[in-house]
């Protein structure tokens, strides 16, 4: 029972954090609730092309694409590579920091 309550609290925290991050980036917050579409919007926020969504379905490649996406996400919010690695390994700590902290969304020009 206690484990279930803790799990539920973490899930709610992550959904609210994603909603706020999407909203900070000028995207609809509800988009974080739709599977696959949330990845597409995350790619848009990160400044990556939408077709990269296909790469998330390829084993091993998806890990590399996730790292690149999180690096770009952190950069667009004015954070460094260490913060991106934090998002990758401890998302339940770093996503709320990004959402509720003073980070502002400023897209970095990518090619």
Protein backbone atom coordinates (compact mmCIF):
# COMPACT_ATOMS: atom_id res chain seq x y z
CA UNK A 1 0.00 0.00 0.00
CA UNK A 2 2.77 2.43 0.91
CA UNK A 3 4.67 1.58 -2.27
CA UNK A 4 1.54 2.25 -4.33
CA UNK A 5 1.04 5.66 -2.73
CA UNK A 6 4.68 6.62 -3.33
CA UNK A 7 4.47 5.42 -6.93
CA UNK A 8 1.26 7.41 -7.47
CA UNK A 9 2.83 10.55 -6.00
CA UNK A 10 5.86 10.22 -8.32
CA UNK A 11 3.61 9.69 -11.36
CA UNK A 12 1.54 12.77 -10.51
CA UNK A 13 4.71 14.81 -9.92
CA UNK A 14 6.10 13.77 -13.32
CA UNK A 15 2.86 14.53 -15.18
CA UNK A 16 2.55 17.95 -13.57
CA UNK A 17 6.23 18.67 -14.27
CA UNK A 18 5.89 17.70 -17.93
CA UNK A 19 2.73 19.80 -18.22
CA UNK A 20 4.53 22.87 -16.83
CA UNK A 21 7.60 22.30 -19.03
CA UNK A 22 5.42 22.03 -22.15
CA UNK A 23 3.55 25.18 -21.12
CA UNK A 24 6.79 27.09 -20.48
CA UNK A 25 7.87 26.19 -24.00
CA UNK A 26 4.66 27.54 -25.52
CA UNK A 27 3.14 24.15 -26.24
CA UNK A 28 -0.18 22.84 -24.92
CA UNK A 29 0.28 21.24 -21.52
CA UNK A 30 -2.24 18.48 -22.21
CA UNK A 31 0.10 17.16 -24.93
CA UNK A 32 2.20 15.48 -22.22
CA UNK A 33 -0.70 13.05 -21.61
CA UNK A 34 -0.89 11.65 -25.15
CA UNK A 35 1.50 8.76 -25.88
CA UNK A 36 3.88 9.32 -28.82
CA UNK A 37 2.49 12.82 -29.37
CA UNK A 38 4.27 13.87 -26.16
CA UNK A 39 7.57 12.65 -27.65
CA UNK A 40 6.86 14.59 -30.84
CA UNK A 41 6.22 17.77 -28.85
CA UNK A 42 9.33 17.11 -26.73
CA UNK A 43 11.34 16.91 -29.95
CA UNK A 44 9.81 20.22 -31.09
CA UNK A 45 10.68 21.85 -27.76
CA UNK A 46 14.20 20.47 -28.06
CA UNK A 47 14.53 21.89 -31.56
CA UNK A 48 14.87 18.49 -33.21
CA UNK A 49 12.97 17.35 -36.32
CA UNK A 50 9.70 15.53 -35.80
CA UNK A 51 10.75 12.54 -37.90
CA UNK A 52 13.20 11.63 -35.10
CA UNK A 53 10.16 10.12 -33.40
CA UNK A 54 10.72 7.06 -35.61
CA UNK A 55 14.22 6.69 -34.16
CA UNK A 56 12.75 6.14 -30.69
CA UNK A 57 11.47 2.76 -31.93
CA UNK A 58 14.93 1.45 -32.87
CA UNK A 59 16.73 -0.35 -30.03
CA UNK A 60 20.04 1.23 -28.93
CA UNK A 61 19.44 4.17 -31.29
CA UNK A 62 16.61 5.31 -29.01
CA UNK A 63 19.04 5.69 -26.11
CA UNK A 64 21.32 7.91 -28.19
CA UNK A 65 18.38 9.96 -29.48
CA UNK A 66 17.08 10.39 -25.92
CA UNK A 67 20.47 11.68 -24.78
CA UNK A 68 20.68 14.12 -27.70
CA UNK A 69 17.09 15.25 -27.08
CA UNK A 70 17.70 15.82 -23.36
CA UNK A 71 20.92 17.72 -24.11
CA UNK A 72 18.98 20.01 -26.46
CA UNK A 73 16.10 20.34 -23.98
CA UNK A 74 18.48 21.38 -21.22
CA UNK A 75 20.24 23.83 -23.56
CA UNK A 76 16.92 25.41 -24.57
CA UNK A 77 16.17 26.03 -20.91
CA UNK A 78 19.64 27.46 -20.25
CA UNK A 79 21.03 24.39 -18.53
CA UNK A 80 24.18 22.40 -19.27
CA UNK A 81 25.08 18.84 -20.14
CA UNK A 82 25.20 17.80 -16.48
CA UNK A 83 21.57 18.81 -16.07
CA UNK A 84 20.66 16.77 -19.17
CA UNK A 85 22.37 13.71 -17.72
CA UNK A 86 20.42 14.34 -14.52
CA UNK A 87 17.17 14.35 -16.51
CA UNK A 88 18.19 11.05 -18.09
CA UNK A 89 19.07 9.23 -14.86
CA UNK A 90 16.97 11.02 -12.21
CA UNK A 91 13.98 12.49 -14.04
CA UNK A 92 11.83 12.57 -10.89
CA UNK A 93 14.33 15.08 -9.44
CA UNK A 94 15.46 17.11 -12.46
CA UNK A 95 12.16 17.46 -14.35
CA UNK A 96 10.47 19.21 -11.38
CA UNK A 97 13.58 21.39 -11.02
CA UNK A 98 13.21 22.41 -14.67
CA UNK A 99 9.45 22.90 -14.39
CA UNK A 100 9.23 24.78 -11.12
CA UNK A 101 12.62 26.50 -11.13
CA UNK A 102 13.45 29.83 -12.69
CA UNK A 103 14.54 28.30 -16.04
CA UNK A 104 13.13 30.13 -19.05
CA UNK A 105 12.61 28.61 -22.48
CA UNK A 106 14.92 30.27 -24.98
CA UNK A 107 15.34 28.11 -28.09
CA UNK A 108 18.96 27.66 -29.12
CA UNK A 109 19.48 27.82 -32.87
CA UNK A 110 20.21 24.31 -34.15
CA UNK A 111 21.07 23.08 -37.59
